Amino acid sequence: MLAGGSGITPMFQVTRAILENPNDKTKVHLIYANVTYEDILLKEQLDSLATNYSDCFKIYYVLNQPPEVWNEGVGFVSKEMIQTHCPAPAADIQILRCGPPPMNKAMAAHLEALGYAPEMQFQF
């Protein structure tokens, strides 16, 4: 999953539905981008899910303007971040995208360059 700003809303709903269903074995990788730390919506809930479901939910935050002490992504979501924090293209992989139009356009280009076919992508 690739989310920007309020684009976290559908991602959070899908993630909770997956994780709270004991029969669903889907693994979720989320890259969530914002401008500042204060802009991160649902951070406490997302961190709680990452702790409680650490075997199947991973989250990576990216900030344009990070605080002085910050150990995650800086700038815009890059192809390298996607390669590092998302599974490689495969028949059983689905990439969900939701964010501002410029981000969605950039993510579509990154995903295409990385080999994710159009049928492996869904944009909210």
PDB file of N, CA and C in Angstrom:
ATOM      1  N   MET A   1       0.840  -1.184   0.000  1.00  0.00           N
ATOM      2  CA  MET A   1       0.000   0.000   0.000  1.00  0.00           C
ATOM      3  C   MET A   1       0.881   1.242   0.000  1.00  0.00           C
ATOM      4  N   LEU A   2       0.459   2.223  -0.784  1.00  0.00           N
ATOM      5  CA  LEU A   2       1.139   3.508  -0.844  1.00  0.00           C
ATOM      6  C   LEU A   2       0.101   4.577  -0.548  1.00  0.00           C
ATOM      7  N   ALA A   3       0.280   5.306   0.561  1.00  0.00           N
ATOM      8  CA  ALA A   3      -0.702   6.308   0.957  1.00  0.00           C
ATOM      9  C   ALA A   3      -0.026   7.640   1.199  1.00  0.00           C
ATOM     10  N   GLY A   4      -0.759   8.706   0.893  1.00  0.00           N
ATOM     11  CA  GLY A   4      -0.276  10.052   1.158  1.00  0.00           C
ATOM     12  C   GLY A   4      -1.361  10.841   1.851  1.00  0.00           C
ATOM     13  N   GLY A   5      -1.017  11.473   2.980  1.00  0.00           N
ATOM     14  CA  GLY A   5      -1.955  12.328   3.695  1.00  0.00           C
ATOM     15  C   GLY A   5      -3.236  11.622   4.065  1.00  0.00           C
ATOM     16  N   SER A   6      -4.373  12.238   3.718  1.00  0.00           N
ATOM     17  CA  SER A   6      -5.665  11.649   4.072  1.00  0.00           C
ATOM     18  C   SER A   6      -5.974  10.394   3.260  1.00  0.00           C
ATOM     19  N   GLY A   7      -5.110  10.061   2.299  1.00  0.00           N
ATOM     20  CA  GLY A   7      -5.239   8.812   1.553  1.00  0.00           C
ATOM     21  C   GLY A   7      -5.064   7.584   2.433  1.00  0.00           C
ATOM     22  N   ILE A   8      -4.726   7.803   3.699  1.00  0.00           N
ATOM     23  CA  ILE A   8      -4.597   6.686   4.636  1.00  0.00           C
ATOM     24  C   ILE A   8      -5.964   6.086   4.968  1.00  0.00           C
ATOM     25  N   THR A   9      -7.030   6.859   4.793  1.00  0.00           N
ATOM     26  CA  THR A   9      -8.358   6.421   5.235  1.00  0.00           C
ATOM     27  C   THR A   9      -8.770   5.062   4.661  1.00  0.00           C
ATOM     28  N   PRO A  10      -8.799   4.874   3.338  1.00  0.00           N
ATOM     29  CA  PRO A  10      -9.188   3.544   2.848  1.00  0.00           C
ATOM     30  C   PRO A  10      -8.149   2.476   3.189  1.00  0.00           C
ATOM     31  N   MET A  11      -6.885   2.860   3.252  1.00  0.00           N
ATOM     32  CA  MET A  11      -5.832   1.889   3.581  1.00  0.00           C
ATOM     33  C   MET A  11      -6.005   1.366   5.001  1.00  0.00           C
ATOM     34  N   PHE A  12      -6.348   2.257   5.917  1.00  0.00           N
ATOM     35  CA  PHE A  12      -6.565   1.857   7.307  1.00  0.00           C
ATOM     36  C   PHE A  12      -7.744   0.891   7.400  1.00  0.00           C
ATOM     37  N   GLN A  13      -8.817   1.182   6.672  1.00  0.00           N
ATOM     38  CA  GLN A  13      -9.997   0.309   6.700  1.00  0.00           C
ATOM     39  C   GLN A  13      -9.677  -1.072   6.132  1.00  0.00           C
ATOM     40  N   VAL A  14      -8.979  -1.108   5.008  1.00  0.00           N
ATOM     41  CA  VAL A  14      -8.614  -2.390   4.393  1.00  0.00           C
ATOM     42  C   VAL A  14      -7.659  -3.159   5.303  1.00  0.00           C
ATOM     43  N   THR A  15      -6.678  -2.460   5.860  1.00  0.00           N
ATOM     44  CA  THR A  15      -5.704  -3.107   6.739  1.00  0.00           C
ATOM     45  C   THR A  15      -6.391  -3.736   7.947  1.00  0.00           C
ATOM     46  N   ARG A  16      -7.254  -2.980   8.590  1.00  0.00           N
ATOM     47  CA  ARG A  16      -7.970  -3.530   9.759  1.00  0.00           C
ATOM     48  C   ARG A  16      -8.812  -4.733   9.373  1.00  0.00           C
ATOM     49  N   ALA A  17      -9.505  -4.671   8.244  1.00  0.00           N
ATOM     50  CA  ALA A  17     -10.335  -5.797   7.810  1.00  0.00           C
ATOM     51  C   ALA A  17      -9.487  -7.050   7.601  1.00  0.00           C
ATOM     52  N   ILE A  18      -8.306  -6.879   7.030  1.00  0.00           N
ATOM     53  CA  ILE A  18      -7.401  -8.016   6.799  1.00  0.00           C
ATOM     54  C   ILE A  18      -6.881  -8.558   8.124  1.00  0.00           C
ATOM     55  N   LEU A  19      -6.321  -7.677   8.929  1.00  0.00           N
ATOM     56  CA  LEU A  19      -5.658  -8.117  10.157  1.00  0.00           C
ATOM     57  C   LEU A  19      -6.621  -8.687  11.192  1.00  0.00           C
ATOM     58  N   GLU A  20      -7.816  -8.167  11.248  1.00  0.00           N
ATOM     59  CA  GLU A  20      -8.782  -8.628  12.249  1.00  0.00           C
ATOM     60  C   GLU A  20      -9.544  -9.865  11.816  1.00  0.00           C
ATOM     61  N   ASN A  21      -9.287 -10.352  10.612  1.00  0.00           N
ATOM     62  CA  ASN A  21      -9.907 -11.588  10.134  1.00  0.00           C
ATOM     63  C   ASN A  21      -8.908 -12.723  10.328  1.00  0.00           C
ATOM     64  N   PRO A  22      -9.143 -13.622  11.278  1.00  0.00           N
ATOM     65  CA  PRO A  22      -8.172 -14.687  11.545  1.00  0.00           C
ATOM     66  C   PRO A  22      -7.956 -15.644  10.365  1.00  0.00           C
ATOM     67  N   ASN A  23      -8.885 -15.657   9.418  1.00  0.00           N
ATOM     68  CA  ASN A  23      -8.744 -16.538   8.263  1.00  0.00           C
ATOM     69  C   ASN A  23      -7.977 -15.896   7.111  1.00  0.00           C
ATOM     70  N   ASP A  24      -7.706 -14.604   7.209  1.00  0.00           N
ATOM     71  CA  ASP A  24      -7.011 -13.888   6.141  1.00  0.00           C
ATOM     72  C   ASP A  24      -5.517 -13.888   6.434  1.00  0.00           C
ATOM     73  N   LYS A  25      -4.742 -14.469   5.561  1.00  0.00           N
ATOM     74  CA  LYS A  25      -3.289 -14.585   5.746  1.00  0.00           C
ATOM     75  C   LYS A  25      -2.513 -13.551   4.921  1.00  0.00           C
ATOM     76  N   THR A  26      -3.215 -12.543   4.413  1.00  0.00           N
ATOM     77  CA  THR A  26      -2.582 -11.498   3.616  1.00  0.00           C
ATOM     78  C   THR A  26      -1.559 -10.734   4.449  1.00  0.00           C
ATOM     79  N   LYS A  27      -0.403 -10.484   3.871  1.00  0.00           N
ATOM     80  CA  LYS A  27       0.615  -9.646   4.506  1.00  0.00           C
ATOM     81  C   LYS A  27       0.481  -8.241   3.925  1.00  0.00           C
ATOM     82  N   VAL A  28       0.514  -7.236   4.800  1.00  0.00           N
ATOM     83  CA  VAL A  28       0.307  -5.842   4.392  1.00  0.00           C
ATOM     84  C   VAL A  28       1.590  -5.052   4.639  1.00  0.00           C
ATOM     85  N   HIS A  29       2.039  -4.359   3.607  1.00  0.00           N
ATOM     86  CA  HIS A  29       3.185  -3.448   3.686  1.00  0.00           C
ATOM     87  C   HIS A  29       2.660  -2.077   3.300  1.00  0.00           C
ATOM     88  N   LEU A  30       2.851  -1.094   4.184  1.00  0.00           N
ATOM     89  CA  LEU A  30       2.313   0.239   3.952  1.00  0.00           C
ATOM     90  C   LEU A  30       3.422   1.277   3.998  1.00  0.00           C
ATOM     91  N   ILE A  31       3.520   2.066   2.944  1.00  0.00           N
ATOM     92  CA  ILE A  31       4.372   3.253   2.945  1.00  0.00           C
ATOM     93  C   ILE A  31       3.408   4.431   3.043  1.00  0.00           C
ATOM     94  N   TYR A  32       3.589   5.231   4.100  1.00  0.00           N
ATOM     95  CA  TYR A  32       2.665   6.330   4.371  1.00  0.00           C
ATOM     96  C   TYR A  32       3.431   7.647   4.400  1.00  0.00           C
ATOM     97  N   ALA A  33       3.137   8.523   3.440  1.00  0.00           N
ATOM     98  CA  ALA A  33       3.861   9.781   3.269  1.00  0.00           C
ATOM     99  C   ALA A  33       3.046  10.985   3.737  1.00  0.00           C
ATOM    100  N   ASN A  34       3.751  11.925   4.381  1.00  0.00           N
ATOM    101  CA  ASN A  34       3.159  13.171   4.843  1.00  0.00           C
ATOM    102  C   ASN A  34       4.197  14.277   4.758  1.00  0.00           C
ATOM    103  N   VAL A  35       3.762  15.509   4.988  1.00  0.00           N
ATOM    104  CA  VAL A  35       4.698  16.629   4.985  1.00  0.00           C
ATOM    105  C   VAL A  35       5.455  16.675   6.308  1.00  0.00           C
ATOM    106  N   THR A  36       4.718  16.734   7.433  1.00  0.00           N
ATOM    107  CA  THR A  36       5.360  16.817   8.744  1.00  0.00           C
ATOM    108  C   THR A  36       4.877  15.683   9.646  1.00  0.00           C
ATOM    109  N   TYR A  37       5.571  15.495  10.743  1.00  0.00           N
ATOM    110  CA  TYR A  37       5.197  14.469  11.725  1.00  0.00           C
ATOM    111  C   TYR A  37       3.772  14.708  12.226  1.00  0.00           C
ATOM    112  N   GLU A  38       3.438  15.961  12.464  1.00  0.00           N
ATOM    113  CA  GLU A  38       2.115  16.316  12.970  1.00  0.00           C
ATOM    114  C   GLU A  38       1.007  15.979  11.975  1.00  0.00           C
ATOM    115  N   ASP A  39       1.343  15.834  10.711  1.00  0.00           N
ATOM    116  CA  ASP A  39       0.351  15.514   9.678  1.00  0.00           C
ATOM    117  C   ASP A  39      -0.025  14.032   9.641  1.00  0.00           C
ATOM    118  N   ILE A  40       0.709  13.188  10.336  1.00  0.00           N
ATOM    119  CA  ILE A  40       0.456  11.742  10.275  1.00  0.00           C
ATOM    120  C   ILE A  40      -0.871  11.434  10.971  1.00  0.00           C
ATOM    121  N   LEU A  41      -1.858  11.031  10.190  1.00  0.00           N
ATOM    122  CA  LEU A  41      -3.166  10.653  10.721  1.00  0.00           C
ATOM    123  C   LEU A  41      -3.134   9.206  11.211  1.00  0.00           C
ATOM    124  N   LEU A  42      -3.836   8.924  12.277  1.00  0.00           N
ATOM    125  CA  LEU A  42      -3.995   7.566  12.808  1.00  0.00           C
ATOM    126  C   LEU A  42      -2.673   6.924  13.239  1.00  0.00           C
ATOM    127  N   LYS A  43      -1.658   7.725  13.547  1.00  0.00           N
ATOM    128  CA  LYS A  43      -0.342   7.162  13.862  1.00  0.00           C
ATOM    129  C   LYS A  43      -0.397   6.179  15.029  1.00  0.00           C
ATOM    130  N   GLU A  44      -1.076   6.557  16.090  1.00  0.00           N
ATOM    131  CA  GLU A  44      -1.150   5.672  17.261  1.00  0.00           C
ATOM    132  C   GLU A  44      -1.804   4.340  16.895  1.00  0.00           C
ATOM    133  N   GLN A  45      -2.892   4.394  16.132  1.00  0.00           N
ATOM    134  CA  GLN A  45      -3.587   3.169  15.733  1.00  0.00           C
ATOM    135  C   GLN A  45      -2.731   2.326  14.786  1.00  0.00           C
ATOM    136  N   LEU A  46      -2.063   2.977  13.844  1.00  0.00           N
ATOM    137  CA  LEU A  46      -1.199   2.249  12.903  1.00  0.00           C
ATOM    138  C   LEU A  46      -0.032   1.590  13.633  1.00  0.00           C
ATOM    139  N   ASP A  47       0.588   2.323  14.557  1.00  0.00           N
ATOM    140  CA  ASP A  47       1.696   1.748  15.319  1.00  0.00           C
ATOM    141  C   ASP A  47       1.221   0.583  16.176  1.00  0.00           C
ATOM    142  N   SER A  48       0.025   0.678  16.710  1.00  0.00           N
ATOM    143  CA  SER A  48      -0.539  -0.407  17.505  1.00  0.00           C
ATOM    144  C   SER A  48      -0.757  -1.651  16.638  1.00  0.00           C
ATOM    145  N   LEU A  49      -1.289  -1.448  15.424  1.00  0.00           N
ATOM    146  CA  LEU A  49      -1.465  -2.589  14.508  1.00  0.00           C
ATOM    147  C   LEU A  49      -0.120  -3.209  14.157  1.00  0.00           C
ATOM    148  N   ALA A  50       0.890  -2.359  13.928  1.00  0.00           N
ATOM    149  CA  ALA A  50       2.226  -2.863  13.581  1.00  0.00           C
ATOM    150  C   ALA A  50       2.818  -3.673  14.731  1.00  0.00           C
ATOM    151  N   THR A  51       2.524  -3.278  15.959  1.00  0.00           N
ATOM    152  CA  THR A  51       3.015  -4.014  17.128  1.00  0.00           C
ATOM    153  C   THR A  51       2.234  -5.314  17.324  1.00  0.00           C
ATOM    154  N   ASN A  52       0.914  -5.218  17.242  1.00  0.00           N
ATOM    155  CA  ASN A  52       0.061  -6.380  17.517  1.00  0.00           C
ATOM    156  C   ASN A  52       0.048  -7.416  16.402  1.00  0.00           C
ATOM    157  N   TYR A  53       0.370  -6.997  15.186  1.00  0.00           N
ATOM    158  CA  TYR A  53       0.353  -7.912  14.033  1.00  0.00           C
ATOM    159  C   TYR A  53       1.700  -7.851  13.311  1.00  0.00           C
ATOM    160  N   SER A  54       2.779  -7.861  14.073  1.00  0.00           N
ATOM    161  CA  SER A  54       4.118  -7.654  13.501  1.00  0.00           C
ATOM    162  C   SER A  54       4.511  -8.704  12.464  1.00  0.00           C
ATOM    163  N   ASP A  55       3.886  -9.865  12.499  1.00  0.00           N
ATOM    164  CA  ASP A  55       4.206 -10.905  11.516  1.00  0.00           C
ATOM    165  C   ASP A  55       3.578 -10.636  10.154  1.00  0.00           C
ATOM    166  N   CYS A  56       2.538  -9.769  10.103  1.00  0.00           N
ATOM    167  CA  CYS A  56       1.875  -9.567   8.814  1.00  0.00           C
ATOM    168  C   CYS A  56       1.550  -8.108   8.486  1.00  0.00           C
ATOM    169  N   PHE A  57       2.043  -7.156   9.285  1.00  0.00           N
ATOM    170  CA  PHE A  57       1.823  -5.742   8.966  1.00  0.00           C
ATOM    171  C   PHE A  57       3.083  -4.946   9.243  1.00  0.00           C
ATOM    172  N   LYS A  58       3.584  -4.302   8.192  1.00  0.00           N
ATOM    173  CA  LYS A  58       4.778  -3.452   8.286  1.00  0.00           C
ATOM    174  C   LYS A  58       4.413  -2.071   7.768  1.00  0.00           C
ATOM    175  N   ILE A  59       4.877  -1.040   8.474  1.00  0.00           N
ATOM    176  CA  ILE A  59       4.617   0.330   8.049  1.00  0.00           C
ATOM    177  C   ILE A  59       5.928   1.105   7.994  1.00  0.00           C
ATOM    178  N   TYR A  60       6.036   1.955   6.978  1.00  0.00           N
ATOM    179  CA  TYR A  60       7.210   2.811   6.794  1.00  0.00           C
ATOM    180  C   TYR A  60       6.694   4.217   6.539  1.00  0.00           C
ATOM    181  N   TYR A  61       7.065   5.133   7.413  1.00  0.00           N
ATOM    182  CA  TYR A  61       6.636   6.523   7.287  1.00  0.00           C
ATOM    183  C   TYR A  61       7.659   7.312   6.483  1.00  0.00           C
ATOM    184  N   VAL A  62       7.167   8.255   5.677  1.00  0.00           N
ATOM    185  CA  VAL A  62       8.021   9.139   4.881  1.00  0.00           C
ATOM    186  C   VAL A  62       7.538  10.569   5.114  1.00  0.00           C
ATOM    187  N   LEU A  63       8.471  11.464   5.455  1.00  0.00           N
ATOM    188  CA  LEU A  63       8.125  12.862   5.702  1.00  0.00           C
ATOM    189  C   LEU A  63       8.945  13.794   4.822  1.00  0.00           C
ATOM    190  N   ASN A  64       8.293  14.815   4.285  1.00  0.00           N
ATOM    191  CA  ASN A  64       9.008  15.849   3.524  1.00  0.00           C
ATOM    192  C   ASN A  64       9.828  16.732   4.448  1.00  0.00           C
ATOM    193  N   GLN A  65       9.259  17.032   5.608  1.00  0.00           N
ATOM    194  CA  GLN A  65       9.928  17.891   6.592  1.00  0.00           C
ATOM    195  C   GLN A  65       9.996  17.143   7.919  1.00  0.00           C
ATOM    196  N   PRO A  66      10.957  16.222   8.047  1.00  0.00           N
ATOM    197  CA  PRO A  66      11.021  15.408   9.265  1.00  0.00           C
ATOM    198  C   PRO A  66      11.538  16.207  10.456  1.00  0.00           C
ATOM    199  N   PRO A  67      11.233  15.733  11.667  1.00  0.00           N
ATOM    200  CA  PRO A  67      11.817  16.358  12.848  1.00  0.00           C
ATOM    201  C   PRO A  67      13.324  16.075  12.879  1.00  0.00           C
ATOM    202  N   GLU A  68      14.027  16.727  13.784  1.00  0.00           N
ATOM    203  CA  GLU A  68      15.478  16.561  13.870  1.00  0.00           C
ATOM    204  C   GLU A  68      15.879  15.105  14.053  1.00  0.00           C
ATOM    205  N   VAL A  69      15.165  14.413  14.918  1.00  0.00           N
ATOM    206  CA  VAL A  69      15.437  12.988  15.149  1.00  0.00           C
ATOM    207  C   VAL A  69      14.370  12.191  14.413  1.00  0.00           C
ATOM    208  N   TRP A  70      14.768  11.529  13.334  1.00  0.00           N
ATOM    209  CA  TRP A  70      13.830  10.780  12.477  1.00  0.00           C
ATOM    210  C   TRP A  70      14.588   9.651  11.814  1.00  0.00           C
ATOM    211  N   ASN A  71      14.101   8.431  11.966  1.00  0.00           N
ATOM    212  CA  ASN A  71      14.812   7.258  11.451  1.00  0.00           C
ATOM    213  C   ASN A  71      14.137   6.606  10.255  1.00  0.00           C
ATOM    214  N   GLU A  72      13.119   7.247   9.698  1.00  0.00           N
ATOM    215  CA  GLU A  72      12.423   6.632   8.564  1.00  0.00           C
ATOM    216  C   GLU A  72      12.648   7.470   7.311  1.00  0.00           C
ATOM    217  N   GLY A  73      11.744   7.400   6.344  1.00  0.00           N
ATOM    218  CA  GLY A  73      11.959   8.041   5.057  1.00  0.00           C
ATOM    219  C   GLY A  73      11.884   9.559   5.086  1.00  0.00           C
ATOM    220  N   VAL A  74      12.670  10.164   4.199  1.00  0.00           N
ATOM    221  CA  VAL A  74      12.705  11.623   4.068  1.00  0.00           C
ATOM    222  C   VAL A  74      12.514  11.984   2.600  1.00  0.00           C
ATOM    223  N   GLY A  75      11.691  13.006   2.346  1.00  0.00           N
ATOM    224  CA  GLY A  75      11.455  13.466   0.981  1.00  0.00           C
ATOM    225  C   GLY A  75      10.161  12.895   0.446  1.00  0.00           C
ATOM    226  N   PHE A  76      10.205  12.500  -0.822  1.00  0.00           N
ATOM    227  CA  PHE A  76       9.050  11.888  -1.471  1.00  0.00           C
ATOM    228  C   PHE A  76       9.279  10.387  -1.579  1.00  0.00           C
ATOM    229  N   VAL A  77       8.204   9.620  -1.708  1.00  0.00           N
ATOM    230  CA  VAL A  77       8.326   8.171  -1.867  1.00  0.00           C
ATOM    231  C   VAL A  77       9.057   7.899  -3.177  1.00  0.00           C
ATOM    232  N   SER A  78      10.123   7.127  -3.091  1.00  0.00           N
ATOM    233  CA  SER A  78      10.967   6.837  -4.253  1.00  0.00           C
ATOM    234  C   SER A  78      10.818   5.379  -4.697  1.00  0.00           C
ATOM    235  N   LYS A  79      11.330   5.099  -5.893  1.00  0.00           N
ATOM    236  CA  LYS A  79      11.350   3.711  -6.374  1.00  0.00           C
ATOM    237  C   LYS A  79      12.111   2.831  -5.394  1.00  0.00           C
ATOM    238  N   GLU A  80      13.211   3.357  -4.858  1.00  0.00           N
ATOM    239  CA  GLU A  80      14.037   2.577  -3.931  1.00  0.00           C
ATOM    240  C   GLU A  80      13.266   2.242  -2.655  1.00  0.00           C
ATOM    241  N   MET A  81      12.474   3.184  -2.169  1.00  0.00           N
ATOM    242  CA  MET A  81      11.655   2.916  -0.974  1.00  0.00           C
ATOM    243  C   MET A  81      10.639   1.812  -1.260  1.00  0.00           C
ATOM    244  N   ILE A  82      10.037   1.883  -2.434  1.00  0.00           N
ATOM    245  CA  ILE A  82       9.057   0.860  -2.809  1.00  0.00           C
ATOM    246  C   ILE A  82       9.744  -0.498  -2.892  1.00  0.00           C
ATOM    247  N   GLN A  83      10.914  -0.560  -3.527  1.00  0.00           N
ATOM    248  CA  GLN A  83      11.653  -1.822  -3.634  1.00  0.00           C
ATOM    249  C   GLN A  83      12.005  -2.385  -2.266  1.00  0.00           C
ATOM    250  N   THR A  84      12.377  -1.512  -1.338  1.00  0.00           N
ATOM    251  CA  THR A  84      12.815  -1.949  -0.017  1.00  0.00           C
ATOM    252  C   THR A  84      11.653  -2.360   0.881  1.00  0.00           C
ATOM    253  N   HIS A  85      10.532  -1.665   0.800  1.00  0.00           N
ATOM    254  CA  HIS A  85       9.454  -1.845   1.776  1.00  0.00           C
ATOM    255  C   HIS A  85       8.201  -2.519   1.235  1.00  0.00           C
ATOM    256  N   CYS A  86       8.189  -2.884  -0.032  1.00  0.00           N
ATOM    257  CA  CYS A  86       7.040  -3.579  -0.612  1.00  0.00           C
ATOM    258  C   CYS A  86       7.522  -4.870  -1.266  1.00  0.00           C
ATOM    259  N   PRO A  87       6.641  -5.851  -1.364  1.00  0.00           N
ATOM    260  CA  PRO A  87       7.036  -7.083  -2.054  1.00  0.00           C
ATOM    261  C   PRO A  87       7.256  -6.830  -3.547  1.00  0.00           C
ATOM    262  N   ALA A  88       8.113  -7.630  -4.130  1.00  0.00           N
ATOM    263  CA  ALA A  88       8.406  -7.525  -5.559  1.00  0.00           C
ATOM    264  C   ALA A  88       7.169  -7.887  -6.384  1.00  0.00           C
ATOM    265  N   PRO A  89       7.116  -7.412  -7.623  1.00  0.00           N
ATOM    266  CA  PRO A  89       5.982  -7.770  -8.485  1.00  0.00           C
ATOM    267  C   PRO A  89       5.850  -9.286  -8.598  1.00  0.00           C
ATOM    268  N   ALA A  90       4.619  -9.763  -8.493  1.00  0.00           N
ATOM    269  CA  ALA A  90       4.314 -11.193  -8.623  1.00  0.00           C
ATOM    270  C   ALA A  90       2.813 -11.328  -8.858  1.00  0.00           C
ATOM    271  N   ALA A  91       2.395 -12.493  -9.309  1.00  0.00           N
ATOM    272  CA  ALA A  91       0.985 -12.710  -9.623  1.00  0.00           C
ATOM    273  C   ALA A  91       0.075 -12.524  -8.409  1.00  0.00           C
ATOM    274  N   ASP A  92       0.600 -12.773  -7.208  1.00  0.00           N
ATOM    275  CA  ASP A  92      -0.229 -12.674  -5.999  1.00  0.00           C
ATOM    276  C   ASP A  92      -0.031 -11.362  -5.240  1.00  0.00           C
ATOM    277  N   ILE A  93       0.519 -10.351  -5.900  1.00  0.00           N
ATOM    278  CA  ILE A  93       0.779  -9.049  -5.271  1.00  0.00           C
ATOM    279  C   ILE A  93      -0.205  -8.017  -5.814  1.00  0.00           C
ATOM    280  N   GLN A  94      -0.759  -7.226  -4.914  1.00  0.00           N
ATOM    281  CA  GLN A  94      -1.644  -6.128  -5.297  1.00  0.00           C
ATOM    282  C   GLN A  94      -1.148  -4.871  -4.596  1.00  0.00           C
ATOM    283  N   ILE A  95      -0.908  -3.814  -5.353  1.00  0.00           N
ATOM    284  CA  ILE A  95      -0.487  -2.536  -4.792  1.00  0.00           C
ATOM    285  C   ILE A  95      -1.691  -1.596  -4.796  1.00  0.00           C
ATOM    286  N   LEU A  96      -2.057  -1.109  -3.609  1.00  0.00           N
ATOM    287  CA  LEU A  96      -3.150  -0.145  -3.475  1.00  0.00           C
ATOM    288  C   LEU A  96      -2.539   1.237  -3.307  1.00  0.00           C
ATOM    289  N   ARG A  97      -3.100   2.238  -4.000  1.00  0.00           N
ATOM    290  CA  ARG A  97      -2.582   3.607  -3.935  1.00  0.00           C
ATOM    291  C   ARG A  97      -3.706   4.564  -3.584  1.00  0.00           C
ATOM    292  N   CYS A  98      -3.396   5.532  -2.717  1.00  0.00           N
ATOM    293  CA  CYS A  98      -4.354   6.596  -2.430  1.00  0.00           C
ATOM    294  C   CYS A  98      -3.604   7.791  -1.880  1.00  0.00           C
ATOM    295  N   GLY A  99      -3.740   8.901  -2.565  1.00  0.00           N
ATOM    296  CA  GLY A  99      -3.075  10.122  -2.132  1.00  0.00           C
ATOM    297  C   GLY A  99      -3.444  11.250  -3.069  1.00  0.00           C
ATOM    298  N   PRO A 100      -2.791  12.392  -2.917  1.00  0.00           N
ATOM    299  CA  PRO A 100      -3.064  13.521  -3.805  1.00  0.00           C
ATOM    300  C   PRO A 100      -2.721  13.158  -5.257  1.00  0.00           C
ATOM    301  N   PRO A 101      -3.401  13.764  -6.234  1.00  0.00           N
ATOM    302  CA  PRO A 101      -3.151  13.431  -7.645  1.00  0.00           C
ATOM    303  C   PRO A 101      -1.678  13.425  -8.063  1.00  0.00           C
ATOM    304  N   PRO A 102      -0.850  14.402  -7.666  1.00  0.00           N
ATOM    305  CA  PRO A 102       0.555  14.338  -8.088  1.00  0.00           C
ATOM    306  C   PRO A 102       1.284  13.107  -7.531  1.00  0.00           C
ATOM    307  N   MET A 103       0.944  12.740  -6.308  1.00  0.00           N
ATOM    308  CA  MET A 103       1.562  11.539  -5.720  1.00  0.00           C
ATOM    309  C   MET A 103       1.105  10.292  -6.470  1.00  0.00           C
ATOM    310  N   ASN A 104      -0.203  10.192  -6.733  1.00  0.00           N
ATOM    311  CA  ASN A 104      -0.709   9.019  -7.452  1.00  0.00           C
ATOM    312  C   ASN A 104      -0.024   8.871  -8.806  1.00  0.00           C
ATOM    313  N   LYS A 105       0.160   9.987  -9.504  1.00  0.00           N
ATOM    314  CA  LYS A 105       0.812   9.951 -10.816  1.00  0.00           C
ATOM    315  C   LYS A 105       2.259   9.489 -10.682  1.00  0.00           C
ATOM    316  N   ALA A 106       2.983  10.029  -9.699  1.00  0.00           N
ATOM    317  CA  ALA A 106       4.381   9.634  -9.490  1.00  0.00           C
ATOM    318  C   ALA A 106       4.483   8.167  -9.091  1.00  0.00           C
ATOM    319  N   MET A 107       3.566   7.702  -8.219  1.00  0.00           N
ATOM    320  CA  MET A 107       3.615   6.301  -7.773  1.00  0.00           C
ATOM    321  C   MET A 107       3.313   5.354  -8.936  1.00  0.00           C
ATOM    322  N   ALA A 108       2.379   5.727  -9.797  1.00  0.00           N
ATOM    323  CA  ALA A 108       2.076   4.894 -10.962  1.00  0.00           C
ATOM    324  C   ALA A 108       3.311   4.754 -11.841  1.00  0.00           C
ATOM    325  N   ALA A 109       4.042   5.839 -12.043  1.00  0.00           N
ATOM    326  CA  ALA A 109       5.269   5.799 -12.855  1.00  0.00           C
ATOM    327  C   ALA A 109       6.336   4.939 -12.176  1.00  0.00           C
ATOM    328  N   HIS A 110       6.514   5.089 -10.861  1.00  0.00           N
ATOM    329  CA  HIS A 110       7.494   4.261 -10.135  1.00  0.00           C
ATOM    330  C   HIS A 110       7.138   2.784 -10.246  1.00  0.00           C
ATOM    331  N   LEU A 111       5.867   2.483 -10.024  1.00  0.00           N
ATOM    332  CA  LEU A 111       5.436   1.081 -10.049  1.00  0.00           C
ATOM    333  C   LEU A 111       5.625   0.466 -11.425  1.00  0.00           C
ATOM    334  N   GLU A 112       5.288   1.215 -12.461  1.00  0.00           N
ATOM    335  CA  GLU A 112       5.482   0.728 -13.827  1.00  0.00           C
ATOM    336  C   GLU A 112       6.966   0.456 -14.083  1.00  0.00           C
ATOM    337  N   ALA A 113       7.827   1.392 -13.661  1.00  0.00           N
ATOM    338  CA  ALA A 113       9.275   1.228 -13.859  1.00  0.00           C
ATOM    339  C   ALA A 113       9.816   0.023 -13.101  1.00  0.00           C
ATOM    340  N   LEU A 114       9.178  -0.317 -11.983  1.00  0.00           N
ATOM    341  CA  LEU A 114       9.627  -1.455 -11.175  1.00  0.00           C
ATOM    342  C   LEU A 114       9.029  -2.778 -11.641  1.00  0.00           C
ATOM    343  N   GLY A 115       8.147  -2.737 -12.634  1.00  0.00           N
ATOM    344  CA  GLY A 115       7.607  -3.974 -13.196  1.00  0.00           C
ATOM    345  C   GLY A 115       6.263  -4.411 -12.655  1.00  0.00           C
ATOM    346  N   TYR A 116       5.573  -3.540 -11.917  1.00  0.00           N
ATOM    347  CA  TYR A 116       4.227  -3.875 -11.448  1.00  0.00           C
ATOM    348  C   TYR A 116       3.259  -3.625 -12.597  1.00  0.00           C
ATOM    349  N   ALA A 117       2.618  -4.673 -13.081  1.00  0.00           N
ATOM    350  CA  ALA A 117       1.676  -4.560 -14.194  1.00  0.00           C
ATOM    351  C   ALA A 117       0.425  -3.788 -13.750  1.00  0.00           C
ATOM    352  N   PRO A 118      -0.285  -3.173 -14.705  1.00  0.00           N
ATOM    353  CA  PRO A 118      -1.496  -2.422 -14.356  1.00  0.00           C
ATOM    354  C   PRO A 118      -2.498  -3.245 -13.527  1.00  0.00           C
ATOM    355  N   GLU A 119      -2.626  -4.527 -13.803  1.00  0.00           N
ATOM    356  CA  GLU A 119      -3.582  -5.358 -13.064  1.00  0.00           C
ATOM    357  C   GLU A 119      -3.124  -5.640 -11.626  1.00  0.00           C
ATOM    358  N   MET A 120      -1.884  -5.297 -11.302  1.00  0.00           N
ATOM    359  CA  MET A 120      -1.375  -5.456  -9.929  1.00  0.00           C
ATOM    360  C   MET A 120      -1.598  -4.183  -9.113  1.00  0.00           C
ATOM    361  N   GLN A 121      -2.231  -3.163  -9.709  1.00  0.00           N
ATOM    362  CA  GLN A 121      -2.389  -1.872  -9.051  1.00  0.00           C
ATOM    363  C   GLN A 121      -3.866  -1.484  -8.955  1.00  0.00           C
ATOM    364  N   PHE A 122      -4.202  -0.862  -7.833  1.00  0.00           N
ATOM    365  CA  PHE A 122      -5.547  -0.316  -7.663  1.00  0.00           C
ATOM    366  C   PHE A 122      -5.421   1.047  -7.022  1.00  0.00           C
ATOM    367  N   GLN A 123      -6.076   2.047  -7.603  1.00  0.00           N
ATOM    368  CA  GLN A 123      -6.044   3.402  -7.040  1.00  0.00           C
ATOM    369  C   GLN A 123      -7.406   3.763  -6.498  1.00  0.00           C
ATOM    370  N   PHE A 124      -7.445   4.196  -5.242  1.00  0.00           N
ATOM    371  CA  PHE A 124      -8.692   4.664  -4.642  1.00  0.00           C
ATOM    372  C   PHE A 124      -8.987   6.058  -5.138  1.00  0.00           C
TER     373      PHE A 124
END
